[in-house]
PDB file of N, CA and C in Angstrom:
ATOM      1  N   MET A   1       7.743   2.001 -10.624  1.00  0.00           N
ATOM      2  CA  MET A   1       7.066   2.751 -11.658  1.00  0.00           C
ATOM      3  C   MET A   1       7.272   4.234 -11.391  1.00  0.00           C
ATOM      4  N   ILE A   2       7.843   4.944 -12.368  1.00  0.00           N
ATOM      5  CA  ILE A   2       8.185   6.359 -12.192  1.00  0.00           C
ATOM      6  C   ILE A   2       7.286   7.206 -13.086  1.00  0.00           C
ATOM      7  N   ARG A   3       6.715   8.234 -12.493  1.00  0.00           N
ATOM      8  CA  ARG A   3       5.883   9.163 -13.253  1.00  0.00           C
ATOM      9  C   ARG A   3       6.410  10.576 -13.066  1.00  0.00           C
ATOM     10  N   LYS A   4       6.315  11.386 -14.114  1.00  0.00           N
ATOM     11  CA  LYS A   4       6.723  12.784 -14.026  1.00  0.00           C
ATOM     12  C   LYS A   4       5.534  13.609 -13.557  1.00  0.00           C
ATOM     13  N   LEU A   5       5.769  14.458 -12.569  1.00  0.00           N
ATOM     14  CA  LEU A   5       4.703  15.295 -12.023  1.00  0.00           C
ATOM     15  C   LEU A   5       4.640  16.624 -12.771  1.00  0.00           C
ATOM     16  N   ALA A   6       3.553  17.334 -12.599  1.00  0.00           N
ATOM     17  CA  ALA A   6       3.384  18.638 -13.242  1.00  0.00           C
ATOM     18  C   ALA A   6       4.456  19.626 -12.779  1.00  0.00           C
ATOM     19  N   SER A   7       4.958  19.442 -11.554  1.00  0.00           N
ATOM     20  CA  SER A   7       5.984  20.328 -10.995  1.00  0.00           C
ATOM     21  C   SER A   7       7.357  20.065 -11.597  1.00  0.00           C
ATOM     22  N   GLY A   8       7.472  19.003 -12.419  1.00  0.00           N
ATOM     23  CA  GLY A   8       8.763  18.678 -13.024  1.00  0.00           C
ATOM     24  C   GLY A   8       9.552  17.650 -12.235  1.00  0.00           C
ATOM     25  N   GLU A   9       9.039  17.269 -11.064  1.00  0.00           N
ATOM     26  CA  GLU A   9       9.708  16.252 -10.269  1.00  0.00           C
ATOM     27  C   GLU A   9       9.227  14.867 -10.705  1.00  0.00           C
ATOM     28  N   TYR A  10       9.931  13.858 -10.222  1.00  0.00           N
ATOM     29  CA  TYR A  10       9.571  12.477 -10.552  1.00  0.00           C
ATOM     30  C   TYR A  10       9.162  11.768  -9.277  1.00  0.00           C
ATOM     31  N   ARG A  11       8.113  10.971  -9.367  1.00  0.00           N
ATOM     32  CA  ARG A  11       7.639  10.233  -8.199  1.00  0.00           C
ATOM     33  C   ARG A  11       7.675   8.748  -8.483  1.00  0.00           C
ATOM     34  N   LEU A  12       8.171   8.010  -7.489  1.00  0.00           N
ATOM     35  CA  LEU A  12       8.257   6.557  -7.582  1.00  0.00           C
ATOM     36  C   LEU A  12       7.020   5.952  -6.931  1.00  0.00           C
ATOM     37  N   TYR A  13       6.285   5.130  -7.701  1.00  0.00           N
ATOM     38  CA  TYR A  13       5.103   4.450  -7.185  1.00  0.00           C
ATOM     39  C   TYR A  13       5.382   2.958  -7.126  1.00  0.00           C
ATOM     40  N   SER A  14       4.675   2.279  -6.213  1.00  0.00           N
ATOM     41  CA  SER A  14       4.791   0.833  -6.153  1.00  0.00           C
ATOM     42  C   SER A  14       4.202   0.238  -7.421  1.00  0.00           C
ATOM     43  N   ARG A  15       4.646  -0.966  -7.768  1.00  0.00           N
ATOM     44  CA  ARG A  15       4.145  -1.622  -8.974  1.00  0.00           C
ATOM     45  C   ARG A  15       2.728  -2.148  -8.767  1.00  0.00           C
ATOM     46  N   LYS A  16       2.454  -2.598  -7.544  1.00  0.00           N
ATOM     47  CA  LYS A  16       1.125  -3.137  -7.245  1.00  0.00           C
ATOM     48  C   LYS A  16       0.222  -2.037  -6.702  1.00  0.00           C
ATOM     49  N   VAL A  17      -1.084  -2.236  -6.916  1.00  0.00           N
ATOM     50  CA  VAL A  17      -2.078  -1.305  -6.390  1.00  0.00           C
ATOM     51  C   VAL A  17      -2.362  -1.671  -4.937  1.00  0.00           C
ATOM     52  N   ASN A  18      -2.425  -0.667  -4.072  1.00  0.00           N
ATOM     53  CA  ASN A  18      -2.734  -0.872  -2.667  1.00  0.00           C
ATOM     54  C   ASN A  18      -4.219  -1.237  -2.538  1.00  0.00           C
ATOM     55  N   PRO A  19      -4.545  -2.430  -2.053  1.00  0.00           N
ATOM     56  CA  PRO A  19      -5.953  -2.844  -2.036  1.00  0.00           C
ATOM     57  C   PRO A  19      -6.840  -1.960  -1.162  1.00  0.00           C
ATOM     58  N   LYS A  20      -6.250  -1.346  -0.138  1.00  0.00           N
ATOM     59  CA  LYS A  20      -7.044  -0.515   0.776  1.00  0.00           C
ATOM     60  C   LYS A  20      -7.535   0.765   0.096  1.00  0.00           C
ATOM     61  N   THR A  21      -6.669   1.379  -0.719  1.00  0.00           N
ATOM     62  CA  THR A  21      -7.020   2.659  -1.348  1.00  0.00           C
ATOM     63  C   THR A  21      -7.362   2.517  -2.823  1.00  0.00           C
ATOM     64  N   GLY A  22      -6.917   1.405  -3.434  1.00  0.00           N
ATOM     65  CA  GLY A  22      -7.142   1.235  -4.873  1.00  0.00           C
ATOM     66  C   GLY A  22      -6.162   2.012  -5.720  1.00  0.00           C
ATOM     67  N   LYS A  23      -5.132   2.601  -5.085  1.00  0.00           N
ATOM     68  CA  LYS A  23      -4.111   3.371  -5.803  1.00  0.00           C
ATOM     69  C   LYS A  23      -2.736   2.782  -5.533  1.00  0.00           C
ATOM     70  N   ARG A  24      -1.756   3.269  -6.273  1.00  0.00           N
ATOM     71  CA  ARG A  24      -0.385   2.821  -6.051  1.00  0.00           C
ATOM     72  C   ARG A  24       0.227   3.589  -4.889  1.00  0.00           C
ATOM     73  N   ARG A  25       1.079   2.915  -4.134  1.00  0.00           N
ATOM     74  CA  ARG A  25       1.719   3.538  -2.981  1.00  0.00           C
ATOM     75  C   ARG A  25       2.851   4.466  -3.437  1.00  0.00           C
ATOM     76  N   ASN A  26       2.924   5.658  -2.865  1.00  0.00           N
ATOM     77  CA  ASN A  26       3.989   6.607  -3.168  1.00  0.00           C
ATOM     78  C   ASN A  26       5.250   6.192  -2.426  1.00  0.00           C
ATOM     79  N   LEU A  27       6.338   5.947  -3.189  1.00  0.00           N
ATOM     80  CA  LEU A  27       7.593   5.503  -2.573  1.00  0.00           C
ATOM     81  C   LEU A  27       8.646   6.595  -2.575  1.00  0.00           C
ATOM     82  N   GLY A  28       8.256   7.833  -2.832  1.00  0.00           N
ATOM     83  CA  GLY A  28       9.208   8.936  -2.752  1.00  0.00           C
ATOM     84  C   GLY A  28       9.170   9.813  -3.979  1.00  0.00           C
ATOM     85  N   THR A  29       9.545  11.082  -3.791  1.00  0.00           N
ATOM     86  CA  THR A  29       9.561  12.072  -4.860  1.00  0.00           C
ATOM     87  C   THR A  29      10.998  12.566  -5.032  1.00  0.00           C
ATOM     88  N   PHE A  30      11.427  12.696  -6.287  1.00  0.00           N
ATOM     89  CA  PHE A  30      12.825  13.008  -6.570  1.00  0.00           C
ATOM     90  C   PHE A  30      12.931  14.115  -7.605  1.00  0.00           C
ATOM     91  N   LYS A  31      14.038  14.874  -7.533  1.00  0.00           N
ATOM     92  CA  LYS A  31      14.255  15.984  -8.462  1.00  0.00           C
ATOM     93  C   LYS A  31      14.554  15.502  -9.876  1.00  0.00           C
ATOM     94  N   SER A  32      15.272  14.381  -9.972  1.00  0.00           N
ATOM     95  CA  SER A  32      15.670  13.881 -11.296  1.00  0.00           C
ATOM     96  C   SER A  32      15.203  12.446 -11.481  1.00  0.00           C
ATOM     97  N   ARG A  33      15.037  12.079 -12.739  1.00  0.00           N
ATOM     98  CA  ARG A  33      14.622  10.701 -13.038  1.00  0.00           C
ATOM     99  C   ARG A  33      15.706   9.716 -12.609  1.00  0.00           C
ATOM    100  N   ALA A  34      16.973  10.104 -12.780  1.00  0.00           N
ATOM    101  CA  ALA A  34      18.079   9.222 -12.402  1.00  0.00           C
ATOM    102  C   ALA A  34      18.030   8.899 -10.912  1.00  0.00           C
ATOM    103  N   ALA A  35      17.713   9.895 -10.103  1.00  0.00           N
ATOM    104  CA  ALA A  35      17.626   9.675  -8.655  1.00  0.00           C
ATOM    105  C   ALA A  35      16.481   8.722  -8.332  1.00  0.00           C
ATOM    106  N   ALA A  36      15.360   8.870  -9.040  1.00  0.00           N
ATOM    107  CA  ALA A  36      14.213   7.993  -8.819  1.00  0.00           C
ATOM    108  C   ALA A  36      14.547   6.563  -9.233  1.00  0.00           C
ATOM    109  N   GLU A  37      15.257   6.408 -10.359  1.00  0.00           N
ATOM    110  CA  GLU A  37      15.641   5.072 -10.815  1.00  0.00           C
ATOM    111  C   GLU A  37      16.607   4.412  -9.842  1.00  0.00           C
ATOM    112  N   LYS A  38      17.521   5.216  -9.299  1.00  0.00           N
ATOM    113  CA  LYS A  38      18.483   4.694  -8.330  1.00  0.00           C
ATOM    114  C   LYS A  38      17.757   4.181  -7.087  1.00  0.00           C
ATOM    115  N   HIS A  39      16.777   4.953  -6.621  1.00  0.00           N
ATOM    116  CA  HIS A  39      16.028   4.540  -5.439  1.00  0.00           C
ATOM    117  C   HIS A  39      15.162   3.314  -5.743  1.00  0.00           C
ATOM    118  N   GLU A  40      14.648   3.244  -6.958  1.00  0.00           N
ATOM    119  CA  GLU A  40      13.830   2.081  -7.335  1.00  0.00           C
ATOM    120  C   GLU A  40      14.665   0.806  -7.259  1.00  0.00           C
ATOM    121  N   ARG A  41      15.921   0.866  -7.709  1.00  0.00           N
ATOM    122  CA  ARG A  41      16.803  -0.293  -7.603  1.00  0.00           C
ATOM    123  C   ARG A  41      17.046  -0.656  -6.144  1.00  0.00           C
ATOM    124  N   ALA A  42      17.224   0.363  -5.300  1.00  0.00           N
ATOM    125  CA  ALA A  42      17.442   0.113  -3.871  1.00  0.00           C
ATOM    126  C   ALA A  42      16.221  -0.549  -3.246  1.00  0.00           C
ATOM    127  N   VAL A  43      15.035  -0.115  -3.640  1.00  0.00           N
ATOM    128  CA  VAL A  43      13.794  -0.694  -3.124  1.00  0.00           C
ATOM    129  C   VAL A  43      13.689  -2.155  -3.544  1.00  0.00           C
ATOM    130  N   GLN A  44      13.981  -2.447  -4.818  1.00  0.00           N
ATOM    131  CA  GLN A  44      13.891  -3.825  -5.313  1.00  0.00           C
ATOM    132  C   GLN A  44      14.893  -4.721  -4.582  1.00  0.00           C
ATOM    133  N   TYR A  45      16.093  -4.205  -4.319  1.00  0.00           N
ATOM    134  CA  TYR A  45      17.090  -4.971  -3.577  1.00  0.00           C
ATOM    135  C   TYR A  45      16.581  -5.264  -2.166  1.00  0.00           C
ATOM    136  N   PHE A  46      16.062  -4.220  -1.518  1.00  0.00           N
ATOM    137  CA  PHE A  46      15.611  -4.359  -0.136  1.00  0.00           C
ATOM    138  C   PHE A  46      14.477  -5.385  -0.014  1.00  0.00           C
ATOM    139  N   LYS A  47      13.600  -5.437  -1.027  1.00  0.00           N
ATOM    140  CA  LYS A  47      12.475  -6.369  -0.995  1.00  0.00           C
ATOM    141  C   LYS A  47      12.941  -7.823  -1.015  1.00  0.00           C
ATOM    142  N   ARG A  48      14.144  -8.069  -1.531  1.00  0.00           N
ATOM    143  CA  ARG A  48      14.606  -9.444  -1.675  1.00  0.00           C
ATOM    144  C   ARG A  48      15.725  -9.829  -0.711  1.00  0.00           C
ATOM    145  N   HIS A  49      16.110  -8.925   0.205  1.00  0.00           N
ATOM    146  CA  HIS A  49      17.192  -9.234   1.155  1.00  0.00           C
ATOM    147  C   HIS A  49      16.767  -8.913   2.582  1.00  0.00           C
TER     148      HIS A  49
END
């Protein structure tokens, strides 16, 4: 899940809510949406291999 920040950067959040904090886990901040999407694909691959 990618959200645009007020600073203009994009942040990748986990899809599930972290039960300990009740919020989504931050999986990295990126300058461009394309970079965030690329990393999201890498994360999804890593979760299954």
